[in-house]
Amino acid sequence: MRQYLIDEISFLERDNLDSYLKRTLKPGGLEGVFFLTIPPDLLGADQLGHEDCGPFYGTVLLEQSSIRFEFLIRSASNMHCSCIAQATPAQRQFILDFADRMLTEEMIKA
């Protein structure tokens, strides 16, 4: 799977990231899993026409010493549909911008 990984985060940095993600993203069903909603104006060709499958999101996984941003855009309501696809360049940039903003706001030098 394509993803952006930031590793070797300290215990304190992990706590800061956890707090930030809990304040800004929708929590997933498992500990450390969060959903970054893709704005409607960034939907790709695979998601257009699939309004019933929305909202669409990228998954963020906070682990013990790392954080991962997945570049697979998923549907919130359908696990098996053609609208689930790799991020477009614009969606990828949106995810990377979120990661950069989070690290800056939490003063983490990665």
PDB file of N, CA and C in Angstrom:
ATOM      1  N   MET A   1       0.845  -1.176   0.000  1.00  0.00           N
ATOM      2  CA  MET A   1       0.000   0.000   0.000  1.00  0.00           C
ATOM      3  C   MET A   1       0.891   1.239   0.000  1.00  0.00           C
ATOM      4  N   ARG A   2       0.495   2.217  -0.757  1.00  0.00           N
ATOM      5  CA  ARG A   2       1.214   3.488  -0.774  1.00  0.00           C
ATOM      6  C   ARG A   2       0.840   4.278   0.469  1.00  0.00           C
ATOM      7  N   GLN A   3       1.878   4.833   1.096  1.00  0.00           N
ATOM      8  CA  GLN A   3       1.641   5.574   2.328  1.00  0.00           C
ATOM      9  C   GLN A   3       2.804   6.503   2.613  1.00  0.00           C
ATOM     10  N   TYR A   4       2.551   7.457   3.500  1.00  0.00           N
ATOM     11  CA  TYR A   4       3.569   8.370   3.993  1.00  0.00           C
ATOM     12  C   TYR A   4       3.791   7.984   5.443  1.00  0.00           C
ATOM     13  N   LEU A   5       5.029   7.633   5.790  1.00  0.00           N
ATOM     14  CA  LEU A   5       5.352   7.157   7.127  1.00  0.00           C
ATOM     15  C   LEU A   5       6.316   8.117   7.805  1.00  0.00           C
ATOM     16  N   ILE A   6       5.996   8.468   9.018  1.00  0.00           N
ATOM     17  CA  ILE A   6       6.894   9.237   9.872  1.00  0.00           C
ATOM     18  C   ILE A   6       7.200   8.321  11.050  1.00  0.00           C
ATOM     19  N   ASP A   7       8.471   7.941  11.188  1.00  0.00           N
ATOM     20  CA  ASP A   7       8.818   7.015  12.257  1.00  0.00           C
ATOM     21  C   ASP A   7       9.737   7.671  13.278  1.00  0.00           C
ATOM     22  N   GLU A   8      10.102   6.894  14.271  1.00  0.00           N
ATOM     23  CA  GLU A   8      10.970   7.335  15.359  1.00  0.00           C
ATOM     24  C   GLU A   8      10.406   8.536  16.125  1.00  0.00           C
ATOM     25  N   ILE A   9       9.084   8.535  16.325  1.00  0.00           N
ATOM     26  CA  ILE A   9       8.495   9.586  17.149  1.00  0.00           C
ATOM     27  C   ILE A   9       8.610   9.156  18.613  1.00  0.00           C
ATOM     28  N   SER A  10       8.834  10.132  19.467  1.00  0.00           N
ATOM     29  CA  SER A  10       8.991   9.837  20.890  1.00  0.00           C
ATOM     30  C   SER A  10       7.627   9.619  21.553  1.00  0.00           C
ATOM     31  N   PHE A  11       7.671   9.160  22.784  1.00  0.00           N
ATOM     32  CA  PHE A  11       6.452   8.949  23.556  1.00  0.00           C
ATOM     33  C   PHE A  11       5.666  10.250  23.706  1.00  0.00           C
ATOM     34  N   LEU A  12       6.367  11.346  24.006  1.00  0.00           N
ATOM     35  CA  LEU A  12       5.696  12.640  24.177  1.00  0.00           C
ATOM     36  C   LEU A  12       5.138  13.149  22.851  1.00  0.00           C
ATOM     37  N   GLU A  13       5.884  12.974  21.764  1.00  0.00           N
ATOM     38  CA  GLU A  13       5.380  13.377  20.446  1.00  0.00           C
ATOM     39  C   GLU A  13       4.149  12.572  20.079  1.00  0.00           C
ATOM     40  N   ARG A  14       4.155  11.283  20.409  1.00  0.00           N
ATOM     41  CA  ARG A  14       2.994  10.442  20.124  1.00  0.00           C
ATOM     42  C   ARG A  14       1.772  10.954  20.870  1.00  0.00           C
ATOM     43  N   ASP A  15       1.938  11.324  22.122  1.00  0.00           N
ATOM     44  CA  ASP A  15       0.817  11.867  22.907  1.00  0.00           C
ATOM     45  C   ASP A  15       0.286  13.158  22.286  1.00  0.00           C
ATOM     46  N   ASN A  16       1.194  14.027  21.838  1.00  0.00           N
ATOM     47  CA  ASN A  16       0.777  15.276  21.193  1.00  0.00           C
ATOM     48  C   ASN A  16       0.019  14.993  19.902  1.00  0.00           C
ATOM     49  N   LEU A  17       0.521  14.048  19.112  1.00  0.00           N
ATOM     50  CA  LEU A  17      -0.153  13.700  17.860  1.00  0.00           C
ATOM     51  C   LEU A  17      -1.522  13.086  18.128  1.00  0.00           C
ATOM     52  N   ASP A  18      -1.601  12.227  19.134  1.00  0.00           N
ATOM     53  CA  ASP A  18      -2.874  11.612  19.486  1.00  0.00           C
ATOM     54  C   ASP A  18      -3.904  12.677  19.855  1.00  0.00           C
ATOM     55  N   SER A  19      -3.499  13.637  20.661  1.00  0.00           N
ATOM     56  CA  SER A  19      -4.394  14.726  21.053  1.00  0.00           C
ATOM     57  C   SER A  19      -4.826  15.537  19.828  1.00  0.00           C
ATOM     58  N   TYR A  20      -3.891  15.859  18.966  1.00  0.00           N
ATOM     59  CA  TYR A  20      -4.199  16.635  17.762  1.00  0.00           C
ATOM     60  C   TYR A  20      -5.194  15.885  16.871  1.00  0.00           C
ATOM     61  N   LEU A  21      -4.933  14.605  16.640  1.00  0.00           N
ATOM     62  CA  LEU A  21      -5.816  13.815  15.772  1.00  0.00           C
ATOM     63  C   LEU A  21      -7.211  13.683  16.373  1.00  0.00           C
ATOM     64  N   LYS A  22      -7.294  13.514  17.671  1.00  0.00           N
ATOM     65  CA  LYS A  22      -8.602  13.411  18.330  1.00  0.00           C
ATOM     66  C   LYS A  22      -9.393  14.714  18.220  1.00  0.00           C
ATOM     67  N   ARG A  23      -8.687  15.842  18.174  1.00  0.00           N
ATOM     68  CA  ARG A  23      -9.354  17.153  18.056  1.00  0.00           C
ATOM     69  C   ARG A  23      -9.753  17.473  16.623  1.00  0.00           C
ATOM     70  N   THR A  24      -9.059  16.927  15.635  1.00  0.00           N
ATOM     71  CA  THR A  24      -9.248  17.388  14.259  1.00  0.00           C
ATOM     72  C   THR A  24      -9.844  16.365  13.292  1.00  0.00           C
ATOM     73  N   LEU A  25      -9.756  15.085  13.601  1.00  0.00           N
ATOM     74  CA  LEU A  25     -10.235  14.061  12.662  1.00  0.00           C
ATOM     75  C   LEU A  25     -11.307  13.190  13.290  1.00  0.00           C
ATOM     76  N   LYS A  26     -12.019  12.501  12.426  1.00  0.00           N
ATOM     77  CA  LYS A  26     -13.026  11.543  12.875  1.00  0.00           C
ATOM     78  C   LYS A  26     -12.302  10.272  13.338  1.00  0.00           C
ATOM     79  N   PRO A  27     -12.615   9.786  14.543  1.00  0.00           N
ATOM     80  CA  PRO A  27     -11.951   8.562  15.006  1.00  0.00           C
ATOM     81  C   PRO A  27     -12.475   7.336  14.264  1.00  0.00           C
ATOM     82  N   GLY A  28     -11.587   6.372  14.073  1.00  0.00           N
ATOM     83  CA  GLY A  28     -11.984   5.095  13.471  1.00  0.00           C
ATOM     84  C   GLY A  28     -12.490   4.168  14.555  1.00  0.00           C
ATOM     85  N   GLY A  29     -12.786   2.973  14.185  1.00  0.00           N
ATOM     86  CA  GLY A  29     -13.318   2.007  15.137  1.00  0.00           C
ATOM     87  C   GLY A  29     -12.262   1.370  16.024  1.00  0.00           C
ATOM     88  N   LEU A  30     -10.980   1.577  15.711  1.00  0.00           N
ATOM     89  CA  LEU A  30      -9.893   0.991  16.479  1.00  0.00           C
ATOM     90  C   LEU A  30      -9.016   2.089  17.073  1.00  0.00           C
ATOM     91  N   GLU A  31      -8.358   1.778  18.160  1.00  0.00           N
ATOM     92  CA  GLU A  31      -7.434   2.715  18.801  1.00  0.00           C
ATOM     93  C   GLU A  31      -6.333   3.104  17.817  1.00  0.00           C
ATOM     94  N   GLY A  32      -6.100   4.406  17.676  1.00  0.00           N
ATOM     95  CA  GLY A  32      -5.036   4.894  16.815  1.00  0.00           C
ATOM     96  C   GLY A  32      -5.404   5.049  15.349  1.00  0.00           C
ATOM     97  N   VAL A  33      -6.654   4.792  14.995  1.00  0.00           N
ATOM     98  CA  VAL A  33      -7.104   4.914  13.607  1.00  0.00           C
ATOM     99  C   VAL A  33      -8.002   6.144  13.497  1.00  0.00           C
ATOM    100  N   PHE A  34      -7.703   6.980  12.493  1.00  0.00           N
ATOM    101  CA  PHE A  34      -8.460   8.210  12.273  1.00  0.00           C
ATOM    102  C   PHE A  34      -8.743   8.364  10.785  1.00  0.00           C
ATOM    103  N   PHE A  35      -9.819   9.100  10.470  1.00  0.00           N
ATOM    104  CA  PHE A  35     -10.225   9.308   9.081  1.00  0.00           C
ATOM    105  C   PHE A  35     -10.098  10.770   8.701  1.00  0.00           C
ATOM    106  N   LEU A  36      -9.308  11.025   7.662  1.00  0.00           N
ATOM    107  CA  LEU A  36      -9.132  12.365   7.108  1.00  0.00           C
ATOM    108  C   LEU A  36     -10.067  12.492   5.911  1.00  0.00           C
ATOM    109  N   THR A  37     -11.141  13.240   6.075  1.00  0.00           N
ATOM    110  CA  THR A  37     -12.153  13.372   5.029  1.00  0.00           C
ATOM    111  C   THR A  37     -11.616  14.181   3.853  1.00  0.00           C
ATOM    112  N   ILE A  38     -11.815  13.645   2.669  1.00  0.00           N
ATOM    113  CA  ILE A  38     -11.402  14.319   1.438  1.00  0.00           C
ATOM    114  C   ILE A  38     -12.506  15.316   1.059  1.00  0.00           C
ATOM    115  N   PRO A  39     -12.171  16.590   0.861  1.00  0.00           N
ATOM    116  CA  PRO A  39     -13.191  17.578   0.489  1.00  0.00           C
ATOM    117  C   PRO A  39     -13.842  17.234  -0.854  1.00  0.00           C
ATOM    118  N   PRO A  40     -15.126  17.554  -1.008  1.00  0.00           N
ATOM    119  CA  PRO A  40     -15.839  17.232  -2.251  1.00  0.00           C
ATOM    120  C   PRO A  40     -15.173  17.780  -3.514  1.00  0.00           C
ATOM    121  N   ASP A  41     -14.515  18.949  -3.414  1.00  0.00           N
ATOM    122  CA  ASP A  41     -13.894  19.521  -4.605  1.00  0.00           C
ATOM    123  C   ASP A  41     -12.610  18.792  -5.007  1.00  0.00           C
ATOM    124  N   LEU A  42     -12.160  17.838  -4.185  1.00  0.00           N
ATOM    125  CA  LEU A  42     -10.967  17.055  -4.523  1.00  0.00           C
ATOM    126  C   LEU A  42     -11.284  15.619  -4.923  1.00  0.00           C
ATOM    127  N   LEU A  43     -12.566  15.308  -5.051  1.00  0.00           N
ATOM    128  CA  LEU A  43     -12.917  13.943  -5.447  1.00  0.00           C
ATOM    129  C   LEU A  43     -12.362  13.645  -6.829  1.00  0.00           C
ATOM    130  N   GLY A  44     -11.859  12.428  -6.980  1.00  0.00           N
ATOM    131  CA  GLY A  44     -11.295  12.001  -8.249  1.00  0.00           C
ATOM    132  C   GLY A  44     -12.347  11.389  -9.149  1.00  0.00           C
ATOM    133  N   ALA A  45     -11.921  11.032 -10.339  1.00  0.00           N
ATOM    134  CA  ALA A  45     -12.832  10.437 -11.323  1.00  0.00           C
ATOM    135  C   ALA A  45     -13.484   9.167 -10.778  1.00  0.00           C
ATOM    136  N   ASP A  46     -12.754   8.413  -9.956  1.00  0.00           N
ATOM    137  CA  ASP A  46     -13.311   7.178  -9.397  1.00  0.00           C
ATOM    138  C   ASP A  46     -14.436   7.439  -8.398  1.00  0.00           C
ATOM    139  N   GLN A  47     -14.385   8.593  -7.713  1.00  0.00           N
ATOM    140  CA  GLN A  47     -15.408   8.897  -6.709  1.00  0.00           C
ATOM    141  C   GLN A  47     -16.600   9.670  -7.268  1.00  0.00           C
ATOM    142  N   LEU A  48     -16.406  10.387  -8.352  1.00  0.00           N
ATOM    143  CA  LEU A  48     -17.508  11.163  -8.934  1.00  0.00           C
ATOM    144  C   LEU A  48     -18.615  10.221  -9.391  1.00  0.00           C
ATOM    145  N   GLY A  49     -19.837  10.587  -9.080  1.00  0.00           N
ATOM    146  CA  GLY A  49     -20.974   9.740  -9.423  1.00  0.00           C
ATOM    147  C   GLY A  49     -21.253   8.670  -8.376  1.00  0.00           C
ATOM    148  N   HIS A  50     -20.481   8.657  -7.319  1.00  0.00           N
ATOM    149  CA  HIS A  50     -20.663   7.683  -6.238  1.00  0.00           C
ATOM    150  C   HIS A  50     -21.023   8.405  -4.940  1.00  0.00           C
ATOM    151  N   GLU A  51     -21.923   9.366  -5.019  1.00  0.00           N
ATOM    152  CA  GLU A  51     -22.309  10.154  -3.850  1.00  0.00           C
ATOM    153  C   GLU A  51     -22.801   9.271  -2.707  1.00  0.00           C
ATOM    154  N   ASP A  52     -23.474   8.169  -3.030  1.00  0.00           N
ATOM    155  CA  ASP A  52     -23.989   7.274  -1.993  1.00  0.00           C
ATOM    156  C   ASP A  52     -22.875   6.573  -1.225  1.00  0.00           C
ATOM    157  N   CYS A  53     -21.687   6.518  -1.795  1.00  0.00           N
ATOM    158  CA  CYS A  53     -20.545   5.873  -1.130  1.00  0.00           C
ATOM    159  C   CYS A  53     -19.792   6.825  -0.206  1.00  0.00           C
ATOM    160  N   GLY A  54     -20.060   8.115  -0.317  1.00  0.00           N
ATOM    161  CA  GLY A  54     -19.323   9.115   0.454  1.00  0.00           C
ATOM    162  C   GLY A  54     -19.744   9.154   1.903  1.00  0.00           C
ATOM    163  N   PRO A  55     -19.053   9.895   2.714  1.00  0.00           N
ATOM    164  CA  PRO A  55     -17.864  10.666   2.362  1.00  0.00           C
ATOM    165  C   PRO A  55     -16.667   9.752   2.122  1.00  0.00           C
ATOM    166  N   PHE A  56     -15.652  10.318   1.490  1.00  0.00           N
ATOM    167  CA  PHE A  56     -14.435   9.585   1.187  1.00  0.00           C
ATOM    168  C   PHE A  56     -13.324  10.087   2.097  1.00  0.00           C
ATOM    169  N   TYR A  57     -12.412   9.219   2.437  1.00  0.00           N
ATOM    170  CA  TYR A  57     -11.380   9.597   3.392  1.00  0.00           C
ATOM    171  C   TYR A  57     -10.079   8.833   3.155  1.00  0.00           C
ATOM    172  N   GLY A  58      -9.010   9.424   3.686  1.00  0.00           N
ATOM    173  CA  GLY A  58      -7.726   8.742   3.791  1.00  0.00           C
ATOM    174  C   GLY A  58      -7.566   8.334   5.241  1.00  0.00           C
ATOM    175  N   THR A  59      -6.926   7.218   5.478  1.00  0.00           N
ATOM    176  CA  THR A  59      -6.765   6.705   6.836  1.00  0.00           C
ATOM    177  C   THR A  59      -5.432   7.140   7.421  1.00  0.00           C
ATOM    178  N   VAL A  60      -5.472   7.538   8.689  1.00  0.00           N
ATOM    179  CA  VAL A  60      -4.275   7.908   9.442  1.00  0.00           C
ATOM    180  C   VAL A  60      -4.156   6.900  10.580  1.00  0.00           C
ATOM    181  N   LEU A  61      -2.978   6.282  10.700  1.00  0.00           N
ATOM    182  CA  LEU A  61      -2.752   5.274  11.735  1.00  0.00           C
ATOM    183  C   LEU A  61      -1.626   5.725  12.651  1.00  0.00           C
ATOM    184  N   LEU A  62      -1.962   5.962  13.902  1.00  0.00           N
ATOM    185  CA  LEU A  62      -0.986   6.356  14.911  1.00  0.00           C
ATOM    186  C   LEU A  62      -0.568   5.112  15.676  1.00  0.00           C
ATOM    187  N   GLU A  63       0.726   4.783  15.588  1.00  0.00           N
ATOM    188  CA  GLU A  63       1.248   3.597  16.256  1.00  0.00           C
ATOM    189  C   GLU A  63       2.197   4.014  17.371  1.00  0.00           C
ATOM    190  N   GLN A  64       2.846   3.056  18.025  1.00  0.00           N
ATOM    191  CA  GLN A  64       3.707   3.342  19.176  1.00  0.00           C
ATOM    192  C   GLN A  64       4.783   4.369  18.872  1.00  0.00           C
ATOM    193  N   SER A  65       5.490   4.202  17.753  1.00  0.00           N
ATOM    194  CA  SER A  65       6.596   5.112  17.455  1.00  0.00           C
ATOM    195  C   SER A  65       6.545   5.641  16.027  1.00  0.00           C
ATOM    196  N   SER A  66       5.369   5.594  15.421  1.00  0.00           N
ATOM    197  CA  SER A  66       5.232   6.097  14.050  1.00  0.00           C
ATOM    198  C   SER A  66       3.794   6.518  13.767  1.00  0.00           C
ATOM    199  N   ILE A  67       3.651   7.251  12.670  1.00  0.00           N
ATOM    200  CA  ILE A  67       2.330   7.632  12.178  1.00  0.00           C
ATOM    201  C   ILE A  67       2.345   7.409  10.669  1.00  0.00           C
ATOM    202  N   ARG A  68       1.263   6.820  10.155  1.00  0.00           N
ATOM    203  CA  ARG A  68       1.150   6.513   8.730  1.00  0.00           C
ATOM    204  C   ARG A  68      -0.074   7.199   8.144  1.00  0.00           C
ATOM    205  N   PHE A  69       0.114   7.737   6.954  1.00  0.00           N
ATOM    206  CA  PHE A  69      -0.966   8.354   6.193  1.00  0.00           C
ATOM    207  C   PHE A  69      -1.129   7.523   4.927  1.00  0.00           C
ATOM    208  N   GLU A  70      -2.228   6.794   4.817  1.00  0.00           N
ATOM    209  CA  GLU A  70      -2.444   5.930   3.661  1.00  0.00           C
ATOM    210  C   GLU A  70      -2.938   6.745   2.471  1.00  0.00           C
ATOM    211  N   PHE A  71      -2.485   6.376   1.284  1.00  0.00           N
ATOM    212  CA  PHE A  71      -2.885   7.041   0.051  1.00  0.00           C
ATOM    213  C   PHE A  71      -3.957   6.252  -0.698  1.00  0.00           C
ATOM    214  N   LEU A  72      -4.648   5.364  -0.015  1.00  0.00           N
ATOM    215  CA  LEU A  72      -5.805   4.688  -0.588  1.00  0.00           C
ATOM    216  C   LEU A  72      -7.038   5.450  -0.106  1.00  0.00           C
ATOM    217  N   ILE A  73      -7.817   5.972  -1.041  1.00  0.00           N
ATOM    218  CA  ILE A  73      -9.021   6.726  -0.685  1.00  0.00           C
ATOM    219  C   ILE A  73     -10.173   5.740  -0.571  1.00  0.00           C
ATOM    220  N   ARG A  74     -10.780   5.719   0.595  1.00  0.00           N
ATOM    221  CA  ARG A  74     -11.827   4.738   0.905  1.00  0.00           C
ATOM    222  C   ARG A  74     -13.196   5.398   0.998  1.00  0.00           C
ATOM    223  N   SER A  75     -14.197   4.561   0.896  1.00  0.00           N
ATOM    224  CA  SER A  75     -15.588   4.974   1.054  1.00  0.00           C
ATOM    225  C   SER A  75     -16.006   4.751   2.505  1.00  0.00           C
ATOM    226  N   ALA A  76     -16.789   5.667   3.035  1.00  0.00           N
ATOM    227  CA  ALA A  76     -17.270   5.517   4.407  1.00  0.00           C
ATOM    228  C   ALA A  76     -18.398   4.495   4.516  1.00  0.00           C
ATOM    229  N   SER A  77     -19.027   4.149   3.397  1.00  0.00           N
ATOM    230  CA  SER A  77     -20.198   3.287   3.492  1.00  0.00           C
ATOM    231  C   SER A  77     -20.128   2.017   2.643  1.00  0.00           C
ATOM    232  N   ASN A  78     -19.102   1.871   1.817  1.00  0.00           N
ATOM    233  CA  ASN A  78     -19.038   0.712   0.924  1.00  0.00           C
ATOM    234  C   ASN A  78     -17.602   0.215   0.855  1.00  0.00           C
ATOM    235  N   MET A  79     -17.373  -1.013   1.274  1.00  0.00           N
ATOM    236  CA  MET A  79     -16.009  -1.550   1.284  1.00  0.00           C
ATOM    237  C   MET A  79     -15.602  -2.178  -0.046  1.00  0.00           C
ATOM    238  N   HIS A  80     -16.565  -2.439  -0.918  1.00  0.00           N
ATOM    239  CA  HIS A  80     -16.263  -3.124  -2.183  1.00  0.00           C
ATOM    240  C   HIS A  80     -16.909  -2.373  -3.340  1.00  0.00           C
ATOM    241  N   CYS A  81     -16.248  -1.309  -3.766  1.00  0.00           N
ATOM    242  CA  CYS A  81     -16.776  -0.509  -4.866  1.00  0.00           C
ATOM    243  C   CYS A  81     -15.609   0.024  -5.682  1.00  0.00           C
ATOM    244  N   SER A  82     -15.862   0.305  -6.928  1.00  0.00           N
ATOM    245  CA  SER A  82     -14.813   0.820  -7.808  1.00  0.00           C
ATOM    246  C   SER A  82     -14.371   2.230  -7.437  1.00  0.00           C
ATOM    247  N   CYS A  83     -15.095   2.888  -6.551  1.00  0.00           N
ATOM    248  CA  CYS A  83     -14.721   4.252  -6.150  1.00  0.00           C
ATOM    249  C   CYS A  83     -13.568   4.266  -5.146  1.00  0.00           C
ATOM    250  N   ILE A  84     -13.226   3.134  -4.593  1.00  0.00           N
ATOM    251  CA  ILE A  84     -12.082   3.027  -3.702  1.00  0.00           C
ATOM    252  C   ILE A  84     -10.852   2.926  -4.592  1.00  0.00           C
ATOM    253  N   ALA A  85      -9.951   3.920  -4.462  1.00  0.00           N
ATOM    254  CA  ALA A  85      -8.825   3.993  -5.394  1.00  0.00           C
ATOM    255  C   ALA A  85      -7.643   4.710  -4.765  1.00  0.00           C
ATOM    256  N   GLN A  86      -6.502   4.592  -5.420  1.00  0.00           N
ATOM    257  CA  GLN A  86      -5.326   5.336  -4.996  1.00  0.00           C
ATOM    258  C   GLN A  86      -5.613   6.831  -5.111  1.00  0.00           C
ATOM    259  N   ALA A  87      -5.010   7.599  -4.242  1.00  0.00           N
ATOM    260  CA  ALA A  87      -5.223   9.044  -4.219  1.00  0.00           C
ATOM    261  C   ALA A  87      -4.759   9.677  -5.528  1.00  0.00           C
ATOM    262  N   THR A  88      -5.530  10.656  -5.966  1.00  0.00           N
ATOM    263  CA  THR A  88      -5.108  11.462  -7.114  1.00  0.00           C
ATOM    264  C   THR A  88      -3.975  12.370  -6.637  1.00  0.00           C
ATOM    265  N   PRO A  89      -3.249  13.006  -7.551  1.00  0.00           N
ATOM    266  CA  PRO A  89      -2.207  13.934  -7.104  1.00  0.00           C
ATOM    267  C   PRO A  89      -2.740  15.022  -6.162  1.00  0.00           C
ATOM    268  N   ALA A  90      -3.921  15.552  -6.435  1.00  0.00           N
ATOM    269  CA  ALA A  90      -4.493  16.595  -5.574  1.00  0.00           C
ATOM    270  C   ALA A  90      -4.857  16.030  -4.195  1.00  0.00           C
ATOM    271  N   GLN A  91      -5.399  14.830  -4.140  1.00  0.00           N
ATOM    272  CA  GLN A  91      -5.745  14.203  -2.869  1.00  0.00           C
ATOM    273  C   GLN A  91      -4.480  13.891  -2.064  1.00  0.00           C
ATOM    274  N   ARG A  92      -3.460  13.420  -2.765  1.00  0.00           N
ATOM    275  CA  ARG A  92      -2.181  13.133  -2.113  1.00  0.00           C
ATOM    276  C   ARG A  92      -1.595  14.405  -1.492  1.00  0.00           C
ATOM    277  N   GLN A  93      -1.662  15.495  -2.239  1.00  0.00           N
ATOM    278  CA  GLN A  93      -1.144  16.766  -1.728  1.00  0.00           C
ATOM    279  C   GLN A  93      -1.946  17.229  -0.518  1.00  0.00           C
ATOM    280  N   PHE A  94      -3.250  17.030  -0.540  1.00  0.00           N
ATOM    281  CA  PHE A  94      -4.109  17.379   0.590  1.00  0.00           C
ATOM    282  C   PHE A  94      -3.683  16.614   1.847  1.00  0.00           C
ATOM    283  N   ILE A  95      -3.405  15.330   1.694  1.00  0.00           N
ATOM    284  CA  ILE A  95      -2.979  14.494   2.825  1.00  0.00           C
ATOM    285  C   ILE A  95      -1.610  14.949   3.332  1.00  0.00           C
ATOM    286  N   LEU A  96      -0.679  15.193   2.419  1.00  0.00           N
ATOM    287  CA  LEU A  96       0.658  15.641   2.812  1.00  0.00           C
ATOM    288  C   LEU A  96       0.607  17.012   3.486  1.00  0.00           C
ATOM    289  N   ASP A  97      -0.243  17.905   2.977  1.00  0.00           N
ATOM    290  CA  ASP A  97      -0.397  19.229   3.598  1.00  0.00           C
ATOM    291  C   ASP A  97      -0.937  19.101   5.021  1.00  0.00           C
ATOM    292  N   PHE A  98      -1.892  18.188   5.223  1.00  0.00           N
ATOM    293  CA  PHE A  98      -2.418  17.957   6.566  1.00  0.00           C
ATOM    294  C   PHE A  98      -1.302  17.473   7.495  1.00  0.00           C
ATOM    295  N   ALA A  99      -0.504  16.524   7.029  1.00  0.00           N
ATOM    296  CA  ALA A  99       0.598  15.988   7.833  1.00  0.00           C
ATOM    297  C   ALA A  99       1.591  17.090   8.187  1.00  0.00           C
ATOM    298  N   ASP A 100       1.961  17.904   7.209  1.00  0.00           N
ATOM    299  CA  ASP A 100       2.907  18.998   7.457  1.00  0.00           C
ATOM    300  C   ASP A 100       2.343  20.005   8.455  1.00  0.00           C
ATOM    301  N   ARG A 101       1.074  20.355   8.304  1.00  0.00           N
ATOM    302  CA  ARG A 101       0.429  21.315   9.206  1.00  0.00           C
ATOM    303  C   ARG A 101       0.388  20.753  10.640  1.00  0.00           C
ATOM    304  N   MET A 102       0.062  19.472  10.759  1.00  0.00           N
ATOM    305  CA  MET A 102       0.007  18.834  12.067  1.00  0.00           C
ATOM    306  C   MET A 102       1.377  18.854  12.748  1.00  0.00           C
ATOM    307  N   LEU A 103       2.418  18.499  12.017  1.00  0.00           N
ATOM    308  CA  LEU A 103       3.759  18.490  12.587  1.00  0.00           C
ATOM    309  C   LEU A 103       4.204  19.903  12.986  1.00  0.00           C
ATOM    310  N   THR A 104       3.868  20.880  12.171  1.00  0.00           N
ATOM    311  CA  THR A 104       4.219  22.269  12.485  1.00  0.00           C
ATOM    312  C   THR A 104       3.481  22.744  13.725  1.00  0.00           C
ATOM    313  N   GLU A 105       2.175  22.518  13.782  1.00  0.00           N
ATOM    314  CA  GLU A 105       1.384  22.979  14.914  1.00  0.00           C
ATOM    315  C   GLU A 105       1.785  22.294  16.213  1.00  0.00           C
ATOM    316  N   GLU A 106       2.208  21.042  16.119  1.00  0.00           N
ATOM    317  CA  GLU A 106       2.619  20.303  17.325  1.00  0.00           C
ATOM    318  C   GLU A 106       4.121  20.427  17.585  1.00  0.00           C
ATOM    319  N   MET A 107       4.802  21.245  16.773  1.00  0.00           N
ATOM    320  CA  MET A 107       6.237  21.532  16.924  1.00  0.00           C
ATOM    321  C   MET A 107       7.080  20.255  16.951  1.00  0.00           C
ATOM    322  N   ILE A 108       6.781  19.360  16.015  1.00  0.00           N
ATOM    323  CA  ILE A 108       7.527  18.114  15.897  1.00  0.00           C
ATOM    324  C   ILE A 108       8.449  18.228  14.694  1.00  0.00           C
ATOM    325  N   LYS A 109       9.726  18.032  14.947  1.00  0.00           N
ATOM    326  CA  LYS A 109      10.732  18.087  13.883  1.00  0.00           C
ATOM    327  C   LYS A 109      10.904  16.688  13.320  1.00  0.00           C
ATOM    328  N   ALA A 110      10.298  16.429  12.181  1.00  0.00           N
ATOM    329  CA  ALA A 110      10.393  15.100  11.577  1.00  0.00           C
ATOM    330  C   ALA A 110      11.284  15.114  10.352  1.00  0.00           C
TER     331      ALA A 110
END
